[in-house]
Amino acid sequence: MKITILGSGPSYGMPSLTRGFGECDPDEPKNVRFRSAILLSDKGTQILFDTPPEIRLQLLTIKNRKLDALCYTHLHYDHTGGADDVNKMIQDQGRSLDVYAQKQDMDYFKKHQAYIFKDKYYHLHEVKFYKSFKVNHLSILPIKQYHDDILSVGYRIGNIAYSTDVRTLDEKSWQLLEGIDTWILGGVAYKENKKHVSMDEALHWIEKLQPKRVFLTHIGAHMDYKKLCQKLPKNIRPCYDGMVINIKT
């Protein structure tokens, strides 16, 4: 199995229109970050997690034009803005795509983006927290996450978990994350805020779960790639766009 980090950046992307590179080195290519998404590939099955505004460029960069399913974490624009580009790709292939999302997110899509999500090429399926669903041979477990005033969905596949845009977790979610080997943790901020886990908290979470490897994504203008590599323990690495994480299954 492998996971490709299609985008590792914050909601404003990097460089942003107003913040530029912030405290990050503009000459370091790994500080150029599209909005966050990942692609999971295993035995011919490919699952996309979120459709950020740059998804067309992200999939073109890795020369990928095949998807078996699309899983949404939540409805914020930086995670859904490229939905129509994926829809056009699926139409051109002449096939449908199964899409998984929370009920309130599905309702929003149907109301505000009906021209995309009522199309016959998108088949919407409701995600229910703590209840697994299957995409071909892969079992996917949705995990409840609190993200300011909304819920987001974390996903566990085997011993891997993708947890982006999370501020807090309930006890049930902690229990379901136990035993993971690889954790892709997103939305990490240096300072405490309402939407994302702080760096200090993230390190505490990692100590609590004890995964073998952690990859930080959805990282912003305060987080220079090389400085993070120097500061963090060797088993915790910042992501960069195009990064491939290989996982033994």
C-alpha atoms as a PDB file:
ATOM      1  CA  MET A   1       0.000   0.000   0.000  1.00  0.00           C
ATOM      2  CA  LYS A   2       1.134   3.550  -0.587  1.00  0.00           C
ATOM      3  CA  ILE A   3      -0.194   6.983   0.267  1.00  0.00           C
ATOM      4  CA  THR A   4       0.645   9.986  -1.892  1.00  0.00           C
ATOM      5  CA  ILE A   5       0.479  13.399  -0.256  1.00  0.00           C
ATOM      6  CA  LEU A   6      -1.207  15.408  -3.000  1.00  0.00           C
ATOM      7  CA  GLY A   7      -1.213  18.574  -0.934  1.00  0.00           C
ATOM      8  CA  SER A   8       0.245  19.389   2.471  1.00  0.00           C
ATOM      9  CA  GLY A   9      -0.749  23.023   2.890  1.00  0.00           C
ATOM     10  CA  PRO A  10      -3.181  25.092   4.950  1.00  0.00           C
ATOM     11  CA  SER A  11      -6.508  26.539   3.823  1.00  0.00           C
ATOM     12  CA  TYR A  12      -4.808  29.541   2.189  1.00  0.00           C
ATOM     13  CA  GLY A  13      -2.143  27.503   0.342  1.00  0.00           C
ATOM     14  CA  MET A  14       1.550  28.386   0.167  1.00  0.00           C
ATOM     15  CA  PRO A  15       2.625  30.843  -0.898  1.00  0.00           C
ATOM     16  CA  SER A  16      -0.616  32.652  -0.132  1.00  0.00           C
ATOM     17  CA  LEU A  17      -1.778  35.876  -1.720  1.00  0.00           C
ATOM     18  CA  THR A  18      -1.327  37.867   1.493  1.00  0.00           C
ATOM     19  CA  ARG A  19       1.091  35.894   3.674  1.00  0.00           C
ATOM     20  CA  GLY A  20       3.453  34.672   0.994  1.00  0.00           C
ATOM     21  CA  PHE A  21       5.768  32.101   2.555  1.00  0.00           C
ATOM     22  CA  GLY A  22       5.480  33.633   6.018  1.00  0.00           C
ATOM     23  CA  GLU A  23       8.339  32.278   8.138  1.00  0.00           C
ATOM     24  CA  CYS A  24       9.190  29.563   5.599  1.00  0.00           C
ATOM     25  CA  ASP A  25      12.165  29.650   3.228  1.00  0.00           C
ATOM     26  CA  PRO A  26      10.847  30.576  -0.249  1.00  0.00           C
ATOM     27  CA  ASP A  27      13.852  28.852  -1.847  1.00  0.00           C
ATOM     28  CA  GLU A  28      12.903  25.476  -0.354  1.00  0.00           C
ATOM     29  CA  PRO A  29      10.614  23.684  -2.867  1.00  0.00           C
ATOM     30  CA  LYS A  30       9.031  21.625  -0.076  1.00  0.00           C
ATOM     31  CA  ASN A  31       7.564  24.818   1.361  1.00  0.00           C
ATOM     32  CA  VAL A  32       5.372  25.212  -1.745  1.00  0.00           C
ATOM     33  CA  ARG A  33       2.131  23.598  -0.598  1.00  0.00           C
ATOM     34  CA  PHE A  34      -1.197  23.021  -2.310  1.00  0.00           C
ATOM     35  CA  ARG A  35      -4.274  22.529  -0.141  1.00  0.00           C
ATOM     36  CA  SER A  36      -4.411  19.173   1.641  1.00  0.00           C
ATOM     37  CA  ALA A  37      -5.473  15.849   0.137  1.00  0.00           C
ATOM     38  CA  ILE A  38      -4.127  12.303  -0.048  1.00  0.00           C
ATOM     39  CA  LEU A  39      -4.440   9.393  -2.483  1.00  0.00           C
ATOM     40  CA  LEU A  40      -4.362   5.845  -1.118  1.00  0.00           C
ATOM     41  CA  SER A  41      -3.367   3.076  -3.534  1.00  0.00           C
ATOM     42  CA  ASP A  42      -3.432  -0.651  -2.848  1.00  0.00           C
ATOM     43  CA  LYS A  43      -3.665  -3.630  -5.220  1.00  0.00           C
ATOM     44  CA  GLY A  44      -5.139  -1.522  -7.995  1.00  0.00           C
ATOM     45  CA  THR A  45      -7.667   0.276  -5.782  1.00  0.00           C
ATOM     46  CA  GLN A  46      -7.299   4.040  -5.507  1.00  0.00           C
ATOM     47  CA  ILE A  47      -9.152   6.169  -2.971  1.00  0.00           C
ATOM     48  CA  LEU A  48      -9.003   9.962  -2.924  1.00  0.00           C
ATOM     49  CA  PHE A  49      -9.481  11.836   0.338  1.00  0.00           C
ATOM     50  CA  ASP A  50     -10.890  15.337  -0.362  1.00  0.00           C
ATOM     51  CA  THR A  51     -10.914  17.492  -3.489  1.00  0.00           C
ATOM     52  CA  PRO A  52      -9.044  20.738  -2.769  1.00  0.00           C
ATOM     53  CA  PRO A  53      -9.165  23.596  -5.304  1.00  0.00           C
ATOM     54  CA  GLU A  54      -5.920  22.393  -6.951  1.00  0.00           C
ATOM     55  CA  ILE A  55      -6.989  18.757  -7.335  1.00  0.00           C
ATOM     56  CA  ARG A  56      -6.771  18.902 -11.143  1.00  0.00           C
ATOM     57  CA  LEU A  57      -3.127  19.971 -10.963  1.00  0.00           C
ATOM     58  CA  GLN A  58      -2.383  17.533  -8.153  1.00  0.00           C
ATOM     59  CA  LEU A  59      -3.685  14.522 -10.088  1.00  0.00           C
ATOM     60  CA  LEU A  60      -2.034  15.695 -13.305  1.00  0.00           C
ATOM     61  CA  THR A  61       1.304  15.985 -11.494  1.00  0.00           C
ATOM     62  CA  ILE A  62       1.242  12.320 -10.457  1.00  0.00           C
ATOM     63  CA  LYS A  63      -0.361  11.302 -13.794  1.00  0.00           C
ATOM     64  CA  ASN A  64      -3.355   9.719 -12.108  1.00  0.00           C
ATOM     65  CA  ARG A  65      -6.718   9.515 -13.852  1.00  0.00           C
ATOM     66  CA  LYS A  66      -8.286   6.545 -12.065  1.00  0.00           C
ATOM     67  CA  LEU A  67     -10.322   6.616  -8.875  1.00  0.00           C
ATOM     68  CA  ASP A  68     -12.420   3.967  -7.164  1.00  0.00           C
ATOM     69  CA  ALA A  69     -13.854   6.118  -4.381  1.00  0.00           C
ATOM     70  CA  LEU A  70     -13.781   9.598  -2.896  1.00  0.00           C
ATOM     71  CA  CYS A  71     -13.939  10.167   0.881  1.00  0.00           C
ATOM     72  CA  TYR A  72     -14.593  13.627   2.291  1.00  0.00           C
ATOM     73  CA  THR A  73     -13.358  14.798   5.676  1.00  0.00           C
ATOM     74  CA  HIS A  74     -15.639  17.861   5.833  1.00  0.00           C
ATOM     75  CA  LEU A  75     -17.216  20.520   3.657  1.00  0.00           C
ATOM     76  CA  HIS A  76     -14.800  23.456   4.009  1.00  0.00           C
ATOM     77  CA  TYR A  77     -13.803  24.911   0.638  1.00  0.00           C
ATOM     78  CA  ASP A  78     -10.125  23.984   0.913  1.00  0.00           C
ATOM     79  CA  HIS A  79     -11.252  20.332   1.015  1.00  0.00           C
ATOM     80  CA  THR A  80     -14.110  20.422  -1.516  1.00  0.00           C
ATOM     81  CA  GLY A  81     -13.346  23.227  -3.989  1.00  0.00           C
ATOM     82  CA  GLY A  82     -12.101  20.921  -6.761  1.00  0.00           C
ATOM     83  CA  ALA A  83     -15.118  18.596  -6.816  1.00  0.00           C
ATOM     84  CA  ASP A  84     -16.190  19.625 -10.314  1.00  0.00           C
ATOM     85  CA  ASP A  85     -12.779  18.771 -11.786  1.00  0.00           C
ATOM     86  CA  VAL A  86     -13.045  15.224 -10.462  1.00  0.00           C
ATOM     87  CA  ASN A  87     -16.612  15.041 -11.771  1.00  0.00           C
ATOM     88  CA  LYS A  88     -15.416  15.951 -15.263  1.00  0.00           C
ATOM     89  CA  MET A  89     -12.706  13.274 -15.084  1.00  0.00           C
ATOM     90  CA  ILE A  90     -15.223  10.619 -14.097  1.00  0.00           C
ATOM     91  CA  GLN A  91     -17.631  11.695 -16.861  1.00  0.00           C
ATOM     92  CA  ASP A  92     -14.890  11.390 -19.467  1.00  0.00           C
ATOM     93  CA  GLN A  93     -14.174   7.879 -18.249  1.00  0.00           C
ATOM     94  CA  GLY A  94     -17.849   7.007 -18.660  1.00  0.00           C
ATOM     95  CA  ARG A  95     -18.129   5.555 -15.169  1.00  0.00           C
ATOM     96  CA  SER A  96     -19.575   6.504 -11.800  1.00  0.00           C
ATOM     97  CA  LEU A  97     -17.729   7.252  -8.576  1.00  0.00           C
ATOM     98  CA  ASP A  98     -18.785   6.349  -5.040  1.00  0.00           C
ATOM     99  CA  VAL A  99     -18.517   9.345  -2.729  1.00  0.00           C
ATOM    100  CA  TYR A 100     -18.580   9.080   1.063  1.00  0.00           C
ATOM    101  CA  ALA A 101     -19.451  12.008   3.343  1.00  0.00           C
ATOM    102  CA  GLN A 102     -21.341  12.955   6.493  1.00  0.00           C
ATOM    103  CA  LYS A 103     -25.093  13.450   6.079  1.00  0.00           C
ATOM    104  CA  GLN A 104     -24.965  17.202   6.753  1.00  0.00           C
ATOM    105  CA  ASP A 105     -22.172  17.548   4.206  1.00  0.00           C
ATOM    106  CA  MET A 106     -24.155  15.557   1.654  1.00  0.00           C
ATOM    107  CA  ASP A 107     -27.190  17.778   2.281  1.00  0.00           C
ATOM    108  CA  TYR A 108     -25.048  20.869   1.760  1.00  0.00           C
ATOM    109  CA  PHE A 109     -23.580  19.487  -1.476  1.00  0.00           C
ATOM    110  CA  LYS A 110     -27.032  18.648  -2.843  1.00  0.00           C
ATOM    111  CA  LYS A 111     -28.361  22.113  -2.017  1.00  0.00           C
ATOM    112  CA  HIS A 112     -25.456  24.360  -2.952  1.00  0.00           C
ATOM    113  CA  GLN A 113     -23.603  22.278  -5.550  1.00  0.00           C
ATOM    114  CA  ALA A 114     -26.488  20.335  -7.029  1.00  0.00           C
ATOM    115  CA  TYR A 115     -25.087  20.596 -10.551  1.00  0.00           C
ATOM    116  CA  ILE A 116     -22.188  18.415  -9.374  1.00  0.00           C
ATOM    117  CA  PHE A 117     -23.554  16.121  -6.720  1.00  0.00           C
ATOM    118  CA  LYS A 118     -26.916  15.286  -8.282  1.00  0.00           C
ATOM    119  CA  ASP A 119     -25.113  14.189 -11.404  1.00  0.00           C
ATOM    120  CA  LYS A 120     -25.417  10.494 -12.216  1.00  0.00           C
ATOM    121  CA  TYR A 121     -21.647  10.144 -12.123  1.00  0.00           C
ATOM    122  CA  TYR A 122     -21.466  10.798  -8.388  1.00  0.00           C
ATOM    123  CA  HIS A 123     -23.098   8.238  -6.068  1.00  0.00           C
ATOM    124  CA  LEU A 124     -23.323   9.678  -2.554  1.00  0.00           C
ATOM    125  CA  HIS A 125     -23.084   7.411   0.489  1.00  0.00           C
ATOM    126  CA  GLU A 126     -23.603   8.545   4.069  1.00  0.00           C
ATOM    127  CA  VAL A 127     -20.652   8.095   6.401  1.00  0.00           C
ATOM    128  CA  LYS A 128     -21.659   6.919   9.852  1.00  0.00           C
ATOM    129  CA  PHE A 129     -19.108   7.385  12.590  1.00  0.00           C
ATOM    130  CA  TYR A 130     -17.552   4.207  13.958  1.00  0.00           C
ATOM    131  CA  LYS A 131     -19.235   2.043  11.285  1.00  0.00           C
ATOM    132  CA  SER A 132     -16.874   0.591   8.666  1.00  0.00           C
ATOM    133  CA  PHE A 133     -17.588   0.477   4.937  1.00  0.00           C
ATOM    134  CA  LYS A 134     -15.721  -1.268   2.132  1.00  0.00           C
ATOM    135  CA  VAL A 135     -14.174  -0.066  -1.084  1.00  0.00           C
ATOM    136  CA  ASN A 136     -13.248  -3.209  -2.985  1.00  0.00           C
ATOM    137  CA  HIS A 137     -11.021  -5.187  -0.590  1.00  0.00           C
ATOM    138  CA  LEU A 138     -10.331  -2.272   1.769  1.00  0.00           C
ATOM    139  CA  SER A 139     -12.262  -1.705   4.992  1.00  0.00           C
ATOM    140  CA  ILE A 140     -12.511   1.961   6.003  1.00  0.00           C
ATOM    141  CA  LEU A 141     -13.487   3.110   9.492  1.00  0.00           C
ATOM    142  CA  PRO A 142     -14.806   6.689   9.921  1.00  0.00           C
ATOM    143  CA  ILE A 143     -13.758   8.376  13.165  1.00  0.00           C
ATOM    144  CA  LYS A 144     -15.505  11.377  14.718  1.00  0.00           C
ATOM    145  CA  GLN A 145     -13.426  14.540  15.036  1.00  0.00           C
ATOM    146  CA  TYR A 146     -14.304  17.959  16.450  1.00  0.00           C
ATOM    147  CA  HIS A 147     -13.234  20.866  14.228  1.00  0.00           C
ATOM    148  CA  ASP A 148     -14.339  24.147  15.812  1.00  0.00           C
ATOM    149  CA  ASP A 149     -18.140  24.244  15.446  1.00  0.00           C
ATOM    150  CA  ILE A 150     -18.447  21.339  12.994  1.00  0.00           C
ATOM    151  CA  LEU A 151     -17.527  17.679  12.873  1.00  0.00           C
ATOM    152  CA  SER A 152     -14.893  16.322  10.520  1.00  0.00           C
ATOM    153  CA  VAL A 153     -14.215  12.702   9.604  1.00  0.00           C
ATOM    154  CA  GLY A 154     -10.968  10.913  10.282  1.00  0.00           C
ATOM    155  CA  TYR A 155     -10.384   7.611   8.510  1.00  0.00           C
ATOM    156  CA  ARG A 156      -8.632   4.452   9.622  1.00  0.00           C
ATOM    157  CA  ILE A 157      -7.612   1.827   7.058  1.00  0.00           C
ATOM    158  CA  GLY A 158      -5.901  -1.122   8.701  1.00  0.00           C
ATOM    159  CA  ASN A 159      -3.033   0.257  10.767  1.00  0.00           C
ATOM    160  CA  ILE A 160      -3.077   3.665   9.053  1.00  0.00           C
ATOM    161  CA  ALA A 161      -5.100   6.703  10.113  1.00  0.00           C
ATOM    162  CA  TYR A 162      -5.707  10.021   8.370  1.00  0.00           C
ATOM    163  CA  SER A 163      -6.748  12.699  10.867  1.00  0.00           C
ATOM    164  CA  THR A 164      -6.829  16.185   9.402  1.00  0.00           C
ATOM    165  CA  ASP A 165      -8.673  19.303  10.571  1.00  0.00           C
ATOM    166  CA  VAL A 166      -9.167  18.068  14.104  1.00  0.00           C
ATOM    167  CA  ARG A 167      -9.214  20.042  17.353  1.00  0.00           C
ATOM    168  CA  THR A 168     -10.384  17.399  19.824  1.00  0.00           C
ATOM    169  CA  LEU A 169     -11.368  13.723  19.885  1.00  0.00           C
ATOM    170  CA  ASP A 170     -13.812  11.878  22.109  1.00  0.00           C
ATOM    171  CA  GLU A 171     -12.937   8.738  24.058  1.00  0.00           C
ATOM    172  CA  LYS A 172     -14.473   6.410  21.472  1.00  0.00           C
ATOM    173  CA  SER A 173     -12.329   7.937  18.735  1.00  0.00           C
ATOM    174  CA  TRP A 174      -9.195   7.541  20.847  1.00  0.00           C
ATOM    175  CA  GLN A 175     -10.032   3.880  21.359  1.00  0.00           C
ATOM    176  CA  LEU A 176     -10.478   3.324  17.625  1.00  0.00           C
ATOM    177  CA  LEU A 177      -7.100   4.886  16.882  1.00  0.00           C
ATOM    178  CA  GLU A 178      -5.253   2.554  19.237  1.00  0.00           C
ATOM    179  CA  GLY A 179      -2.727   0.262  17.569  1.00  0.00           C
ATOM    180  CA  ILE A 180      -2.073   2.336  14.449  1.00  0.00           C
ATOM    181  CA  ASP A 181       1.445   2.190  13.001  1.00  0.00           C
ATOM    182  CA  THR A 182       1.233   5.173  10.634  1.00  0.00           C
ATOM    183  CA  TRP A 183      -0.606   8.391  11.484  1.00  0.00           C
ATOM    184  CA  ILE A 184      -1.080  11.269   9.067  1.00  0.00           C
ATOM    185  CA  LEU A 185      -2.086  14.124  11.340  1.00  0.00           C
ATOM    186  CA  GLY A 186      -3.233  17.374   9.806  1.00  0.00           C
ATOM    187  CA  GLY A 187      -4.033  20.915  10.745  1.00  0.00           C
ATOM    188  CA  VAL A 188      -1.254  21.207  13.295  1.00  0.00           C
ATOM    189  CA  ALA A 189      -0.667  24.789  14.465  1.00  0.00           C
ATOM    190  CA  TYR A 190       2.088  26.180  16.685  1.00  0.00           C
ATOM    191  CA  LYS A 191      -0.404  28.148  18.773  1.00  0.00           C
ATOM    192  CA  GLU A 192      -3.686  27.033  20.302  1.00  0.00           C
ATOM    193  CA  ASN A 193      -6.772  27.925  18.267  1.00  0.00           C
ATOM    194  CA  LYS A 194     -10.384  26.841  17.887  1.00  0.00           C
ATOM    195  CA  LYS A 195     -10.006  24.708  14.763  1.00  0.00           C
ATOM    196  CA  HIS A 196      -6.724  22.797  14.902  1.00  0.00           C
ATOM    197  CA  VAL A 197      -4.575  20.905  17.350  1.00  0.00           C
ATOM    198  CA  SER A 198      -1.510  22.807  18.549  1.00  0.00           C
ATOM    199  CA  MET A 199       1.992  21.411  18.111  1.00  0.00           C
ATOM    200  CA  ASP A 200       2.370  20.807  21.852  1.00  0.00           C
ATOM    201  CA  GLU A 201      -0.944  18.957  21.930  1.00  0.00           C
ATOM    202  CA  ALA A 202      -0.046  16.966  18.823  1.00  0.00           C
ATOM    203  CA  LEU A 203       3.161  15.779  20.464  1.00  0.00           C
ATOM    204  CA  HIS A 204       1.137  14.766  23.516  1.00  0.00           C
ATOM    205  CA  TRP A 205      -1.328  12.869  21.309  1.00  0.00           C
ATOM    206  CA  ILE A 206       1.536  11.062  19.593  1.00  0.00           C
ATOM    207  CA  GLU A 207       3.006  10.116  22.953  1.00  0.00           C
ATOM    208  CA  LYS A 208      -0.396   8.787  23.975  1.00  0.00           C
ATOM    209  CA  LEU A 209      -0.967   6.637  20.867  1.00  0.00           C
ATOM    210  CA  GLN A 210       2.635   5.595  20.256  1.00  0.00           C
ATOM    211  CA  PRO A 211       2.417   5.074  16.463  1.00  0.00           C
ATOM    212  CA  LYS A 212       5.654   4.044  14.787  1.00  0.00           C
ATOM    213  CA  ARG A 213       5.538   6.886  12.263  1.00  0.00           C
ATOM    214  CA  VAL A 214       3.741  10.228  12.157  1.00  0.00           C
ATOM    215  CA  PHE A 215       3.478  12.590   9.194  1.00  0.00           C
ATOM    216  CA  LEU A 216       2.290  16.164   9.758  1.00  0.00           C
ATOM    217  CA  THR A 217       0.224  17.707   6.976  1.00  0.00           C
ATOM    218  CA  HIS A 218      -2.044  20.756   6.477  1.00  0.00           C
ATOM    219  CA  ILE A 219       0.885  22.854   7.746  1.00  0.00           C
ATOM    220  CA  GLY A 220       1.136  26.592   7.328  1.00  0.00           C
ATOM    221  CA  ALA A 221       3.343  29.634   7.029  1.00  0.00           C
ATOM    222  CA  HIS A 222       4.925  29.230  10.472  1.00  0.00           C
ATOM    223  CA  MET A 223       6.271  25.766   9.674  1.00  0.00           C
ATOM    224  CA  ASP A 224       9.404  25.680   7.558  1.00  0.00           C
ATOM    225  CA  TYR A 225      10.119  22.199   6.219  1.00  0.00           C
ATOM    226  CA  LYS A 226      13.826  21.983   7.136  1.00  0.00           C
ATOM    227  CA  LYS A 227      13.356  23.585  10.548  1.00  0.00           C
ATOM    228  CA  LEU A 228      10.623  21.078  11.370  1.00  0.00           C
ATOM    229  CA  CYS A 229      12.864  18.196  10.301  1.00  0.00           C
ATOM    230  CA  GLN A 230      15.590  19.483  12.632  1.00  0.00           C
ATOM    231  CA  LYS A 231      13.249  20.091  15.557  1.00  0.00           C
ATOM    232  CA  LEU A 232      11.039  16.994  15.515  1.00  0.00           C
ATOM    233  CA  PRO A 233      11.930  13.439  16.565  1.00  0.00           C
ATOM    234  CA  LYS A 234      13.004  11.175  13.687  1.00  0.00           C
ATOM    235  CA  ASN A 235       9.709   9.274  13.706  1.00  0.00           C
ATOM    236  CA  ILE A 236       7.749  12.510  13.132  1.00  0.00           C
ATOM    237  CA  ARG A 237       8.189  14.113   9.720  1.00  0.00           C
ATOM    238  CA  PRO A 238       6.518  17.042   7.965  1.00  0.00           C
ATOM    239  CA  CYS A 239       4.794  16.191   4.710  1.00  0.00           C
ATOM    240  CA  TYR A 240       5.496  17.833   1.383  1.00  0.00           C
ATOM    241  CA  ASP A 241       3.547  17.802  -1.853  1.00  0.00           C
ATOM    242  CA  GLY A 242       4.223  14.637  -3.850  1.00  0.00           C
ATOM    243  CA  MET A 243       5.601  12.730  -0.862  1.00  0.00           C
ATOM    244  CA  VAL A 244       4.975   8.952  -1.069  1.00  0.00           C
ATOM    245  CA  ILE A 245       4.528   6.929   2.107  1.00  0.00           C
ATOM    246  CA  ASN A 246       4.992   3.195   1.568  1.00  0.00           C
ATOM    247  CA  ILE A 247       3.265   0.878   4.024  1.00  0.00           C
ATOM    248  CA  LYS A 248       3.710  -2.842   4.505  1.00  0.00           C
ATOM    249  CA  THR A 249       0.416  -4.707   4.837  1.00  0.00           C
END
